[in-house]
Amino acid sequence: MSKQSNNRQQLYSDDYFEKGHWGLKIWQTLVGLFVWVCVIVPIVTTVLSFWAAYHPQVLHLWSYNEGIFEIKFIGIILLFSFAVVSLFAVGMTIIQNRKRDRVVEQWPTFNPINQRKREDQLEKFMDDRFGNREFREHVRHYQVKPEQNLDTDQIHQLYEQHDLNDLDE
C-alpha cells in the first residue's frame, strides 16, 4: 500500500507510478509499446495495401484481389450495421420522446397537503349528499335520487370553491 499523505487513506496503489521500481517501469513500458505496435502495424499495412490497389505508386505489402474484395465486403457490412444501429437509435429516441410527452408530462402532479384537504372536502361533500361513511359502506341496496346525481364537473367545482385545484397552478 502507498504511503498516506495528509491523513488521507489511499484505496489503491500502483508500483509503476511510485518512486523506484525501474525494472518494472521498463518492462511494462516495453510490453505496452509492443502491444501498440501489434495493433498499429496490421492496420497501417491493410490501409496502405487497399490504397495501393487504386494508386500503384503507394507502398504496399500485398495486393491480393481476394484481400481487397474482403476489405470492401467488411466495409459494406460495417456500413450496413452502422445504418441499422443509427435507425434503431433514432427510432428509439423518437418513441421515447413521444412516450415522455404523452405519459410523463401529462401525468397529474399534486400537492400532498392539498390532497389531504381535498379528501376531507370530498368526504364532507359525500356525507352531506349520500349519508355518513359507515352508512354508505354497510348498506346493501341504495337508490340514488335524481337530485343526488353528480354533474360532470361538480367535484372539480368543489375543489375550486375551496382553492384546492392543483392543476390550475
C-alpha atoms as a PDB file:
ATOM      1  CA  MET A   1       0.000   0.000   0.000  1.00  0.00           C
ATOM      2  CA  SER A   2       1.221   3.521  -0.719  1.00  0.00           C
ATOM      3  CA  LYS A   3       2.181   5.982   1.992  1.00  0.00           C
ATOM      4  CA  GLN A   4      -0.610   8.028   3.455  1.00  0.00           C
ATOM      5  CA  SER A   5      -0.378  11.754   2.918  1.00  0.00           C
ATOM      6  CA  ASN A   6      -2.228  14.409   4.895  1.00  0.00           C
ATOM      7  CA  ASN A   7      -4.032  11.709   6.922  1.00  0.00           C
ATOM      8  CA  ARG A   8      -5.931  10.559   3.822  1.00  0.00           C
ATOM      9  CA  GLN A   9      -6.128   6.869   3.074  1.00  0.00           C
ATOM     10  CA  GLN A  10      -5.383   5.770  -0.469  1.00  0.00           C
ATOM     11  CA  LEU A  11      -7.527   2.874  -1.580  1.00  0.00           C
ATOM     12  CA  TYR A  12      -5.267   1.822  -4.445  1.00  0.00           C
ATOM     13  CA  SER A  13      -1.615   1.545  -5.255  1.00  0.00           C
ATOM     14  CA  ASP A  14       0.426   1.119  -8.431  1.00  0.00           C
ATOM     15  CA  ASP A  15       4.125   0.425  -8.198  1.00  0.00           C
ATOM     16  CA  TYR A  16       4.619   1.748 -11.749  1.00  0.00           C
ATOM     17  CA  PHE A  17       3.841   5.321 -10.611  1.00  0.00           C
ATOM     18  CA  GLU A  18       5.690   5.172  -7.303  1.00  0.00           C
ATOM     19  CA  LYS A  19       9.323   6.212  -6.917  1.00  0.00           C
ATOM     20  CA  GLY A  20      11.809   3.494  -7.802  1.00  0.00           C
ATOM     21  CA  HIS A  21      10.768   0.169  -9.372  1.00  0.00           C
ATOM     22  CA  TRP A  22      12.796   0.921 -12.546  1.00  0.00           C
ATOM     23  CA  GLY A  23      12.802  -2.684 -13.744  1.00  0.00           C
ATOM     24  CA  LEU A  24       9.009  -2.833 -13.553  1.00  0.00           C
ATOM     25  CA  LYS A  25       8.658   0.516 -15.334  1.00  0.00           C
ATOM     26  CA  ILE A  26      10.953  -0.504 -18.190  1.00  0.00           C
ATOM     27  CA  TRP A  27       9.297  -3.920 -18.583  1.00  0.00           C
ATOM     28  CA  GLN A  28       5.715  -2.559 -18.562  1.00  0.00           C
ATOM     29  CA  THR A  29       6.639   0.268 -20.949  1.00  0.00           C
ATOM     30  CA  LEU A  30       8.219  -2.180 -23.430  1.00  0.00           C
ATOM     31  CA  VAL A  31       5.200  -4.508 -23.238  1.00  0.00           C
ATOM     32  CA  GLY A  32       2.852  -1.551 -23.765  1.00  0.00           C
ATOM     33  CA  LEU A  33       4.818  -0.332 -26.801  1.00  0.00           C
ATOM     34  CA  PHE A  34       4.932  -3.874 -28.261  1.00  0.00           C
ATOM     35  CA  VAL A  35       1.165  -4.224 -27.917  1.00  0.00           C
ATOM     36  CA  TRP A  36       0.602  -0.870 -29.635  1.00  0.00           C
ATOM     37  CA  VAL A  37       2.908  -1.936 -32.480  1.00  0.00           C
ATOM     38  CA  CYS A  38       0.867  -5.158 -32.785  1.00  0.00           C
ATOM     39  CA  VAL A  39      -2.274  -3.044 -33.153  1.00  0.00           C
ATOM     40  CA  ILE A  40      -0.931  -0.321 -35.466  1.00  0.00           C
ATOM     41  CA  VAL A  41       1.164  -2.372 -37.927  1.00  0.00           C
ATOM     42  CA  PRO A  42      -1.715  -4.546 -39.264  1.00  0.00           C
ATOM     43  CA  ILE A  43      -3.969  -1.513 -39.602  1.00  0.00           C
ATOM     44  CA  VAL A  44      -1.330   0.514 -41.472  1.00  0.00           C
ATOM     45  CA  THR A  45      -0.454  -2.489 -43.691  1.00  0.00           C
ATOM     46  CA  THR A  46      -4.099  -3.087 -44.591  1.00  0.00           C
ATOM     47  CA  VAL A  47      -4.863   0.570 -45.260  1.00  0.00           C
ATOM     48  CA  LEU A  48      -1.745   1.064 -47.405  1.00  0.00           C
ATOM     49  CA  SER A  49      -2.381  -2.128 -49.394  1.00  0.00           C
ATOM     50  CA  PHE A  50      -6.008  -1.186 -50.006  1.00  0.00           C
ATOM     51  CA  TRP A  51      -4.999   2.327 -51.006  1.00  0.00           C
ATOM     52  CA  ALA A  52      -2.289   0.935 -53.308  1.00  0.00           C
ATOM     53  CA  ALA A  53      -4.928  -1.085 -55.214  1.00  0.00           C
ATOM     54  CA  TYR A  54      -6.191   2.219 -56.592  1.00  0.00           C
ATOM     55  CA  HIS A  55      -2.887   4.176 -56.611  1.00  0.00           C
ATOM     56  CA  PRO A  56       0.039   1.958 -57.664  1.00  0.00           C
ATOM     57  CA  GLN A  57       2.669   4.476 -56.531  1.00  0.00           C
ATOM     58  CA  VAL A  58       1.693   3.882 -52.848  1.00  0.00           C
ATOM     59  CA  LEU A  59       3.867   1.383 -50.974  1.00  0.00           C
ATOM     60  CA  HIS A  60       2.078  -1.907 -50.333  1.00  0.00           C
ATOM     61  CA  LEU A  61       2.992  -5.251 -48.814  1.00  0.00           C
ATOM     62  CA  TRP A  62       0.302  -7.301 -50.516  1.00  0.00           C
ATOM     63  CA  SER A  63      -2.043  -6.857 -53.451  1.00  0.00           C
ATOM     64  CA  TYR A  64      -4.228  -9.966 -53.483  1.00  0.00           C
ATOM     65  CA  ASN A  65      -7.591  -9.447 -55.157  1.00  0.00           C
ATOM     66  CA  GLU A  66      -9.224 -11.633 -52.517  1.00  0.00           C
ATOM     67  CA  GLY A  67      -7.906  -9.362 -49.774  1.00  0.00           C
ATOM     68  CA  ILE A  68      -9.178  -6.231 -51.494  1.00  0.00           C
ATOM     69  CA  PHE A  69     -12.572  -7.928 -52.028  1.00  0.00           C
ATOM     70  CA  GLU A  70     -12.753  -8.894 -48.336  1.00  0.00           C
ATOM     71  CA  ILE A  71     -11.907  -5.370 -47.206  1.00  0.00           C
ATOM     72  CA  LYS A  72     -14.701  -3.998 -49.420  1.00  0.00           C
ATOM     73  CA  PHE A  73     -17.080  -6.689 -48.141  1.00  0.00           C
ATOM     74  CA  ILE A  74     -16.279  -5.938 -44.497  1.00  0.00           C
ATOM     75  CA  GLY A  75     -16.657  -2.222 -45.231  1.00  0.00           C
ATOM     76  CA  ILE A  76     -20.132  -2.825 -46.678  1.00  0.00           C
ATOM     77  CA  ILE A  77     -21.116  -4.964 -43.670  1.00  0.00           C
ATOM     78  CA  LEU A  78     -19.874  -2.289 -41.271  1.00  0.00           C
ATOM     79  CA  LEU A  79     -21.676   0.458 -43.206  1.00  0.00           C
ATOM     80  CA  PHE A  80     -24.902  -1.563 -43.206  1.00  0.00           C
ATOM     81  CA  SER A  81     -24.524  -2.265 -39.464  1.00  0.00           C
ATOM     82  CA  PHE A  82     -23.925   1.430 -38.796  1.00  0.00           C
ATOM     83  CA  ALA A  83     -27.076   2.330 -40.763  1.00  0.00           C
ATOM     84  CA  VAL A  84     -29.205  -0.226 -38.888  1.00  0.00           C
ATOM     85  CA  VAL A  85     -27.882   0.869 -35.486  1.00  0.00           C
ATOM     86  CA  SER A  86     -28.409   4.534 -36.406  1.00  0.00           C
ATOM     87  CA  LEU A  87     -32.002   3.896 -37.498  1.00  0.00           C
ATOM     88  CA  PHE A  88     -32.655   1.940 -34.304  1.00  0.00           C
ATOM     89  CA  ALA A  89     -31.168   4.684 -32.123  1.00  0.00           C
ATOM     90  CA  VAL A  90     -33.107   7.455 -33.874  1.00  0.00           C
ATOM     91  CA  GLY A  91     -36.314   5.383 -33.822  1.00  0.00           C
ATOM     92  CA  MET A  92     -35.996   4.625 -30.114  1.00  0.00           C
ATOM     93  CA  THR A  93     -35.265   8.288 -29.384  1.00  0.00           C
ATOM     94  CA  ILE A  94     -38.412   9.370 -31.227  1.00  0.00           C
ATOM     95  CA  ILE A  95     -40.510   6.706 -29.487  1.00  0.00           C
ATOM     96  CA  GLN A  96     -39.184   7.646 -26.038  1.00  0.00           C
ATOM     97  CA  ASN A  97     -39.723  11.371 -26.656  1.00  0.00           C
ATOM     98  CA  ARG A  98     -43.326  10.750 -27.733  1.00  0.00           C
ATOM     99  CA  LYS A  99     -43.889   8.466 -24.760  1.00  0.00           C
ATOM    100  CA  ARG A 100     -42.488  11.103 -22.419  1.00  0.00           C
ATOM    101  CA  ASP A 101     -44.715  13.769 -23.956  1.00  0.00           C
ATOM    102  CA  ARG A 102     -47.822  11.586 -23.631  1.00  0.00           C
ATOM    103  CA  VAL A 103     -47.223   9.930 -20.273  1.00  0.00           C
ATOM    104  CA  VAL A 104     -44.682  11.728 -18.150  1.00  0.00           C
ATOM    105  CA  GLU A 105     -45.576  15.325 -18.857  1.00  0.00           C
ATOM    106  CA  GLN A 106     -49.317  14.661 -18.699  1.00  0.00           C
ATOM    107  CA  TRP A 107     -49.086  12.641 -15.514  1.00  0.00           C
ATOM    108  CA  PRO A 108     -51.008  14.551 -12.863  1.00  0.00           C
ATOM    109  CA  THR A 109     -48.907  16.056 -10.122  1.00  0.00           C
ATOM    110  CA  PHE A 110     -50.421  17.278  -6.917  1.00  0.00           C
ATOM    111  CA  ASN A 111     -49.594  18.969  -3.690  1.00  0.00           C
ATOM    112  CA  PRO A 112     -49.766  16.319  -0.913  1.00  0.00           C
ATOM    113  CA  ILE A 113     -51.016  18.876   1.618  1.00  0.00           C
ATOM    114  CA  ASN A 114     -53.829  19.910  -0.698  1.00  0.00           C
ATOM    115  CA  GLN A 115     -54.514  16.241  -1.429  1.00  0.00           C
ATOM    116  CA  ARG A 116     -55.406  15.631   2.208  1.00  0.00           C
ATOM    117  CA  LYS A 117     -57.603  18.750   2.223  1.00  0.00           C
ATOM    118  CA  ARG A 118     -59.315  17.552  -0.973  1.00  0.00           C
ATOM    119  CA  GLU A 119     -60.007  14.150   0.635  1.00  0.00           C
ATOM    120  CA  ASP A 120     -61.529  15.878   3.644  1.00  0.00           C
ATOM    121  CA  GLN A 121     -63.712  18.149   1.484  1.00  0.00           C
ATOM    122  CA  LEU A 122     -64.804  15.234  -0.694  1.00  0.00           C
ATOM    123  CA  GLU A 123     -65.666  13.145   2.389  1.00  0.00           C
ATOM    124  CA  LYS A 124     -67.713  16.038   3.797  1.00  0.00           C
ATOM    125  CA  PHE A 125     -69.465  16.519   0.439  1.00  0.00           C
ATOM    126  CA  MET A 126     -70.317  12.795   0.181  1.00  0.00           C
ATOM    127  CA  ASP A 127     -71.578  12.737   3.782  1.00  0.00           C
ATOM    128  CA  ASP A 128     -73.910  15.656   3.042  1.00  0.00           C
ATOM    129  CA  ARG A 129     -75.070  14.164  -0.248  1.00  0.00           C
ATOM    130  CA  PHE A 130     -75.335  10.417   0.443  1.00  0.00           C
ATOM    131  CA  GLY A 131     -75.105   9.942   4.229  1.00  0.00           C
ATOM    132  CA  ASN A 132     -72.198   9.179   6.526  1.00  0.00           C
ATOM    133  CA  ARG A 133     -69.354   6.845   5.553  1.00  0.00           C
ATOM    134  CA  GLU A 134     -70.433   3.962   7.775  1.00  0.00           C
ATOM    135  CA  PHE A 135     -73.914   4.010   6.233  1.00  0.00           C
ATOM    136  CA  ARG A 136     -72.524   4.156   2.688  1.00  0.00           C
ATOM    137  CA  GLU A 137     -70.123   1.274   3.254  1.00  0.00           C
ATOM    138  CA  HIS A 138     -72.571  -1.069   5.013  1.00  0.00           C
ATOM    139  CA  VAL A 139     -75.819  -0.529   3.116  1.00  0.00           C
ATOM    140  CA  ARG A 140     -76.726  -3.425   0.803  1.00  0.00           C
ATOM    141  CA  HIS A 141     -79.050  -1.537  -1.530  1.00  0.00           C
ATOM    142  CA  TYR A 142     -79.271   2.183  -2.113  1.00  0.00           C
ATOM    143  CA  GLN A 143     -81.227   4.022  -4.743  1.00  0.00           C
ATOM    144  CA  VAL A 144     -79.864   7.422  -5.732  1.00  0.00           C
ATOM    145  CA  LYS A 145     -82.486  10.121  -6.038  1.00  0.00           C
ATOM    146  CA  PRO A 146     -82.348  12.196  -9.242  1.00  0.00           C
ATOM    147  CA  GLU A 147     -81.318  15.334  -7.323  1.00  0.00           C
ATOM    148  CA  GLN A 148     -78.363  13.411  -5.816  1.00  0.00           C
ATOM    149  CA  ASN A 149     -76.748  12.716  -9.191  1.00  0.00           C
ATOM    150  CA  LEU A 150     -73.436  14.470  -9.685  1.00  0.00           C
ATOM    151  CA  ASP A 151     -72.818  16.916 -12.508  1.00  0.00           C
ATOM    152  CA  THR A 152     -69.865  16.151 -14.756  1.00  0.00           C
ATOM    153  CA  ASP A 153     -67.580  18.769 -13.216  1.00  0.00           C
ATOM    154  CA  GLN A 154     -69.114  19.017  -9.742  1.00  0.00           C
ATOM    155  CA  ILE A 155     -66.057  17.629  -7.906  1.00  0.00           C
ATOM    156  CA  HIS A 156     -63.824  19.985  -9.867  1.00  0.00           C
ATOM    157  CA  GLN A 157     -66.038  22.914  -8.873  1.00  0.00           C
ATOM    158  CA  LEU A 158     -65.914  21.767  -5.243  1.00  0.00           C
ATOM    159  CA  TYR A 159     -62.121  21.890  -5.322  1.00  0.00           C
ATOM    160  CA  GLU A 160     -62.164  25.326  -6.944  1.00  0.00           C
ATOM    161  CA  GLN A 161     -64.551  26.687  -4.276  1.00  0.00           C
ATOM    162  CA  HIS A 162     -62.062  25.681  -1.587  1.00  0.00           C
ATOM    163  CA  ASP A 163     -58.998  26.683  -3.664  1.00  0.00           C
ATOM    164  CA  LEU A 164     -57.687  23.102  -3.801  1.00  0.00           C
ATOM    165  CA  ASN A 165     -57.294  22.673  -7.561  1.00  0.00           C
ATOM    166  CA  ASP A 166     -53.592  21.877  -8.139  1.00  0.00           C
ATOM    167  CA  LEU A 167     -53.995  21.548 -11.904  1.00  0.00           C
ATOM    168  CA  ASP A 168     -54.562  25.276 -12.378  1.00  0.00           C
ATOM    169  CA  GLU A 169     -51.432  26.356 -10.506  1.00  0.00           C
END
